[in-house]
């Protein structure tokens, strides 16, 4: 009934994905490749969740 009040989970995941990519970029530029790798792994997991949501619809 009040479905329009619910947030779009895909949109929320997309924001989290972009934030992880930005943090990874800054880590890479600062020379912290270990953190960059960790953040990229997390970003890939979020991207996989986005793909799953896209395939469901």
PDB file of N, CA and C in Angstrom:
ATOM      1  N   UNK A   1       0.829  -1.186   0.000  1.00  0.00           N
ATOM      2  CA  UNK A   1       0.000   0.000   0.000  1.00  0.00           C
ATOM      3  C   UNK A   1       0.868   1.243   0.000  1.00  0.00           C
ATOM      4  N   UNK A   2       1.861   1.286   0.845  1.00  0.00           N
ATOM      5  CA  UNK A   2       2.734   2.457   0.883  1.00  0.00           C
ATOM      6  C   UNK A   2       4.107   2.113   0.306  1.00  0.00           C
ATOM      7  N   UNK A   3       4.099   1.399  -0.791  1.00  0.00           N
ATOM      8  CA  UNK A   3       5.332   0.970  -1.428  1.00  0.00           C
ATOM      9  C   UNK A   3       6.192   2.121  -1.917  1.00  0.00           C
ATOM     10  N   UNK A   4       5.557   3.260  -2.204  1.00  0.00           N
ATOM     11  CA  UNK A   4       6.323   4.399  -2.691  1.00  0.00           C
ATOM     12  C   UNK A   4       7.214   5.008  -1.613  1.00  0.00           C
ATOM     13  N   UNK A   5       6.976   4.661  -0.349  1.00  0.00           N
ATOM     14  CA  UNK A   5       7.803   5.181   0.731  1.00  0.00           C
ATOM     15  C   UNK A   5       9.075   4.361   0.936  1.00  0.00           C
ATOM     16  N   UNK A   6       9.095   3.150   0.399  1.00  0.00           N
ATOM     17  CA  UNK A   6      10.274   2.306   0.529  1.00  0.00           C
ATOM     18  C   UNK A   6      11.363   2.819  -0.402  1.00  0.00           C
ATOM     19  N   UNK A   7      12.585   2.739   0.090  1.00  0.00           N
ATOM     20  CA  UNK A   7      13.708   3.127  -0.747  1.00  0.00           C
ATOM     21  C   UNK A   7      14.038   2.039  -1.754  1.00  0.00           C
ATOM     22  N   UNK A   8      14.640   2.435  -2.840  1.00  0.00           N
ATOM     23  CA  UNK A   8      15.040   1.491  -3.871  1.00  0.00           C
ATOM     24  C   UNK A   8      16.355   0.844  -3.441  1.00  0.00           C
ATOM     25  N   UNK A   9      16.367  -0.463  -3.168  1.00  0.00           N
ATOM     26  CA  UNK A   9      17.601  -1.107  -2.703  1.00  0.00           C
ATOM     27  C   UNK A   9      18.715  -1.033  -3.749  1.00  0.00           C
ATOM     28  N   UNK A  10      18.345  -1.066  -5.020  1.00  0.00           N
ATOM     29  CA  UNK A  10      19.349  -0.977  -6.077  1.00  0.00           C
ATOM     30  C   UNK A  10      20.045   0.375  -6.053  1.00  0.00           C
ATOM     31  N   UNK A  11      19.286   1.408  -5.806  1.00  0.00           N
ATOM     32  CA  UNK A  11      19.841   2.758  -5.749  1.00  0.00           C
ATOM     33  C   UNK A  11      20.798   2.898  -4.554  1.00  0.00           C
ATOM     34  N   UNK A  12      20.417   2.322  -3.440  1.00  0.00           N
ATOM     35  CA  UNK A  12      21.253   2.369  -2.240  1.00  0.00           C
ATOM     36  C   UNK A  12      22.562   1.614  -2.467  1.00  0.00           C
ATOM     37  N   UNK A  13      22.480   0.444  -3.099  1.00  0.00           N
ATOM     38  CA  UNK A  13      23.677  -0.336  -3.400  1.00  0.00           C
ATOM     39  C   UNK A  13      24.568   0.389  -4.401  1.00  0.00           C
ATOM     40  N   UNK A  14      23.958   1.081  -5.357  1.00  0.00           N
ATOM     41  CA  UNK A  14      24.733   1.816  -6.355  1.00  0.00           C
ATOM     42  C   UNK A  14      25.549   2.928  -5.691  1.00  0.00           C
ATOM     43  N   UNK A  15      24.945   3.614  -4.728  1.00  0.00           N
ATOM     44  CA  UNK A  15      25.668   4.659  -3.997  1.00  0.00           C
ATOM     45  C   UNK A  15      26.823   4.073  -3.198  1.00  0.00           C
ATOM     46  N   UNK A  16      26.585   2.936  -2.544  1.00  0.00           N
ATOM     47  CA  UNK A  16      27.634   2.272  -1.772  1.00  0.00           C
ATOM     48  C   UNK A  16      28.757   1.814  -2.690  1.00  0.00           C
ATOM     49  N   UNK A  17      28.409   1.306  -3.864  1.00  0.00           N
ATOM     50  CA  UNK A  17      29.393   0.850  -4.839  1.00  0.00           C
ATOM     51  C   UNK A  17      30.277   2.007  -5.305  1.00  0.00           C
ATOM     52  N   UNK A  18      29.653   3.121  -5.634  1.00  0.00           N
ATOM     53  CA  UNK A  18      30.413   4.285  -6.087  1.00  0.00           C
ATOM     54  C   UNK A  18      31.314   4.831  -4.981  1.00  0.00           C
ATOM     55  N   UNK A  19      30.834   4.800  -3.737  1.00  0.00           N
ATOM     56  CA  UNK A  19      31.644   5.276  -2.619  1.00  0.00           C
ATOM     57  C   UNK A  19      32.871   4.380  -2.416  1.00  0.00           C
ATOM     58  N   UNK A  20      32.687   3.055  -2.542  1.00  0.00           N
ATOM     59  CA  UNK A  20      33.823   2.128  -2.400  1.00  0.00           C
ATOM     60  C   UNK A  20      34.844   2.351  -3.505  1.00  0.00           C
ATOM     61  N   UNK A  21      34.358   2.582  -4.726  1.00  0.00           N
ATOM     62  CA  UNK A  21      35.277   2.830  -5.832  1.00  0.00           C
ATOM     63  C   UNK A  21      36.078   4.110  -5.611  1.00  0.00           C
ATOM     64  N   UNK A  22      35.409   5.113  -5.086  1.00  0.00           N
ATOM     65  CA  UNK A  22      36.100   6.382  -4.829  1.00  0.00           C
ATOM     66  C   UNK A  22      37.164   6.209  -3.740  1.00  0.00           C
ATOM     67  N   UNK A  23      36.825   5.488  -2.673  1.00  0.00           N
ATOM     68  CA  UNK A  23      37.801   5.232  -1.611  1.00  0.00           C
ATOM     69  C   UNK A  23      38.979   4.418  -2.143  1.00  0.00           C
ATOM     70  N   UNK A  24      38.684   3.439  -3.005  1.00  0.00           N
ATOM     71  CA  UNK A  24      39.744   2.616  -3.590  1.00  0.00           C
ATOM     72  C   UNK A  24      40.661   3.462  -4.465  1.00  0.00           C
ATOM     73  N   UNK A  25      40.090   4.381  -5.201  1.00  0.00           N
ATOM     74  CA  UNK A  25      40.880   5.266  -6.051  1.00  0.00           C
ATOM     75  C   UNK A  25      41.826   6.126  -5.218  1.00  0.00           C
ATOM     76  N   UNK A  26      41.321   6.677  -4.127  1.00  0.00           N
ATOM     77  CA  UNK A  26      42.158   7.503  -3.258  1.00  0.00           C
ATOM     78  C   UNK A  26      43.259   6.675  -2.601  1.00  0.00           C
ATOM     79  N   UNK A  27      42.934   5.447  -2.216  1.00  0.00           N
ATOM     80  CA  UNK A  27      43.944   4.576  -1.612  1.00  0.00           C
ATOM     81  C   UNK A  27      45.038   4.259  -2.625  1.00  0.00           C
ATOM     82  N   UNK A  28      44.639   4.010  -3.859  1.00  0.00           N
ATOM     83  CA  UNK A  28      45.620   3.695  -4.894  1.00  0.00           C
ATOM     84  C   UNK A  28      46.526   4.893  -5.159  1.00  0.00           C
ATOM     85  N   UNK A  29      45.950   6.058  -5.220  1.00  0.00           N
ATOM     86  CA  UNK A  29      46.734   7.264  -5.474  1.00  0.00           C
ATOM     87  C   UNK A  29      47.690   7.575  -4.335  1.00  0.00           C
ATOM     88  N   UNK A  30      47.327   7.159  -3.128  1.00  0.00           N
ATOM     89  CA  UNK A  30      48.195   7.378  -1.974  1.00  0.00           C
ATOM     90  C   UNK A  30      49.238   6.278  -1.834  1.00  0.00           C
ATOM     91  N   UNK A  31      49.203   5.288  -2.705  1.00  0.00           N
ATOM     92  CA  UNK A  31      50.193   4.226  -2.685  1.00  0.00           C
ATOM     93  C   UNK A  31      49.854   3.066  -1.773  1.00  0.00           C
ATOM     94  N   UNK A  32      48.658   3.038  -1.235  1.00  0.00           N
ATOM     95  CA  UNK A  32      48.240   1.957  -0.333  1.00  0.00           C
ATOM     96  C   UNK A  32      47.510   0.889  -1.145  1.00  0.00           C
ATOM     97  N   UNK A  33      48.294   0.024  -1.782  1.00  0.00           N
ATOM     98  CA  UNK A  33      47.713  -0.960  -2.692  1.00  0.00           C
ATOM     99  C   UNK A  33      46.972  -2.068  -1.963  1.00  0.00           C
ATOM    100  N   UNK A  34      47.354  -2.362  -0.742  1.00  0.00           N
ATOM    101  CA  UNK A  34      46.655  -3.391   0.024  1.00  0.00           C
ATOM    102  C   UNK A  34      45.216  -2.940   0.309  1.00  0.00           C
ATOM    103  N   UNK A  35      45.065  -1.712   0.757  1.00  0.00           N
ATOM    104  CA  UNK A  35      43.721  -1.177   1.011  1.00  0.00           C
ATOM    105  C   UNK A  35      42.936  -1.083  -0.288  1.00  0.00           C
ATOM    106  N   UNK A  36      43.608  -0.674  -1.348  1.00  0.00           N
ATOM    107  CA  UNK A  36      42.957  -0.581  -2.655  1.00  0.00           C
ATOM    108  C   UNK A  36      42.381  -1.941  -3.052  1.00  0.00           C
ATOM    109  N   UNK A  37      43.153  -2.991  -2.894  1.00  0.00           N
ATOM    110  CA  UNK A  37      42.683  -4.329  -3.238  1.00  0.00           C
ATOM    111  C   UNK A  37      41.497  -4.765  -2.404  1.00  0.00           C
ATOM    112  N   UNK A  38      41.550  -4.471  -1.118  1.00  0.00           N
ATOM    113  CA  UNK A  38      40.452  -4.829  -0.219  1.00  0.00           C
ATOM    114  C   UNK A  38      39.174  -4.085  -0.604  1.00  0.00           C
ATOM    115  N   UNK A  39      39.310  -2.802  -0.869  1.00  0.00           N
ATOM    116  CA  UNK A  39      38.139  -2.004  -1.239  1.00  0.00           C
ATOM    117  C   UNK A  39      37.571  -2.439  -2.583  1.00  0.00           C
ATOM    118  N   UNK A  40      38.427  -2.820  -3.504  1.00  0.00           N
ATOM    119  CA  UNK A  40      37.946  -3.287  -4.807  1.00  0.00           C
ATOM    120  C   UNK A  40      37.200  -4.615  -4.674  1.00  0.00           C
ATOM    121  N   UNK A  41      37.651  -5.483  -3.781  1.00  0.00           N
ATOM    122  CA  UNK A  41      36.935  -6.739  -3.519  1.00  0.00           C
ATOM    123  C   UNK A  41      35.542  -6.451  -2.979  1.00  0.00           C
ATOM    124  N   UNK A  42      35.467  -5.527  -2.032  1.00  0.00           N
ATOM    125  CA  UNK A  42      34.175  -5.166  -1.454  1.00  0.00           C
ATOM    126  C   UNK A  42      33.271  -4.551  -2.515  1.00  0.00           C
ATOM    127  N   UNK A  43      33.842  -3.716  -3.383  1.00  0.00           N
ATOM    128  CA  UNK A  43      33.066  -3.090  -4.456  1.00  0.00           C
ATOM    129  C   UNK A  43      32.538  -4.146  -5.421  1.00  0.00           C
ATOM    130  N   UNK A  44      33.341  -5.159  -5.717  1.00  0.00           N
ATOM    131  CA  UNK A  44      32.901  -6.227  -6.609  1.00  0.00           C
ATOM    132  C   UNK A  44      31.743  -7.012  -6.008  1.00  0.00           C
ATOM    133  N   UNK A  45      31.773  -7.225  -4.694  1.00  0.00           N
ATOM    134  CA  UNK A  45      30.677  -7.931  -4.025  1.00  0.00           C
ATOM    135  C   UNK A  45      29.386  -7.115  -4.120  1.00  0.00           C
ATOM    136  N   UNK A  46      29.506  -5.816  -3.914  1.00  0.00           N
ATOM    137  CA  UNK A  46      28.331  -4.946  -4.012  1.00  0.00           C
ATOM    138  C   UNK A  46      27.800  -4.958  -5.442  1.00  0.00           C
ATOM    139  N   UNK A  47      28.718  -4.932  -6.422  1.00  0.00           N
ATOM    140  CA  UNK A  47      28.300  -4.955  -7.822  1.00  0.00           C
ATOM    141  C   UNK A  47      27.559  -6.247  -8.150  1.00  0.00           C
ATOM    142  N   UNK A  48      28.014  -7.355  -7.584  1.00  0.00           N
ATOM    143  CA  UNK A  48      27.345  -8.639  -7.801  1.00  0.00           C
ATOM    144  C   UNK A  48      25.919  -8.599  -7.251  1.00  0.00           C
ATOM    145  N   UNK A  49      25.732  -7.960  -6.112  1.00  0.00           N
ATOM    146  CA  UNK A  49      24.392  -7.817  -5.545  1.00  0.00           C
ATOM    147  C   UNK A  49      23.508  -6.960  -6.447  1.00  0.00           C
ATOM    148  N   UNK A  50      24.085  -5.904  -7.007  1.00  0.00           N
ATOM    149  CA  UNK A  50      23.326  -5.047  -7.931  1.00  0.00           C
ATOM    150  C   UNK A  50      22.895  -5.859  -9.148  1.00  0.00           C
ATOM    151  N   UNK A  51      23.793  -6.676  -9.677  1.00  0.00           N
ATOM    152  CA  UNK A  51      23.478  -7.509 -10.837  1.00  0.00           C
ATOM    153  C   UNK A  51      22.367  -8.507 -10.501  1.00  0.00           C
ATOM    154  N   UNK A  52      22.398  -9.081  -9.300  1.00  0.00           N
ATOM    155  CA  UNK A  52      21.354 -10.024  -8.908  1.00  0.00           C
ATOM    156  C   UNK A  52      19.992  -9.336  -8.859  1.00  0.00           C
ATOM    157  N   UNK A  53      19.959  -8.113  -8.329  1.00  0.00           N
ATOM    158  CA  UNK A  53      18.700  -7.375  -8.274  1.00  0.00           C
ATOM    159  C   UNK A  53      18.207  -7.039  -9.679  1.00  0.00           C
ATOM    160  N   UNK A  54      19.133  -6.718 -10.560  1.00  0.00           N
ATOM    161  CA  UNK A  54      18.755  -6.379 -11.935  1.00  0.00           C
ATOM    162  C   UNK A  54      18.208  -7.598 -12.670  1.00  0.00           C
ATOM    163  N   UNK A  55      18.769  -8.759 -12.399  1.00  0.00           N
ATOM    164  CA  UNK A  55      18.316  -9.967 -13.083  1.00  0.00           C
ATOM    165  C   UNK A  55      16.995 -10.486 -12.565  1.00  0.00           C
ATOM    166  N   UNK A  56      16.629 -10.137 -11.333  1.00  0.00           N
ATOM    167  CA  UNK A  56      15.364 -10.589 -10.763  1.00  0.00           C
ATOM    168  C   UNK A  56      14.173  -9.929 -11.453  1.00  0.00           C
ATOM    169  N   UNK A  57      14.339  -8.688 -11.833  1.00  0.00           N
ATOM    170  CA  UNK A  57      13.204  -7.931 -12.389  1.00  0.00           C
ATOM    171  C   UNK A  57      13.016  -8.176 -13.833  1.00  0.00           C
TER     172      UNK A  57
END
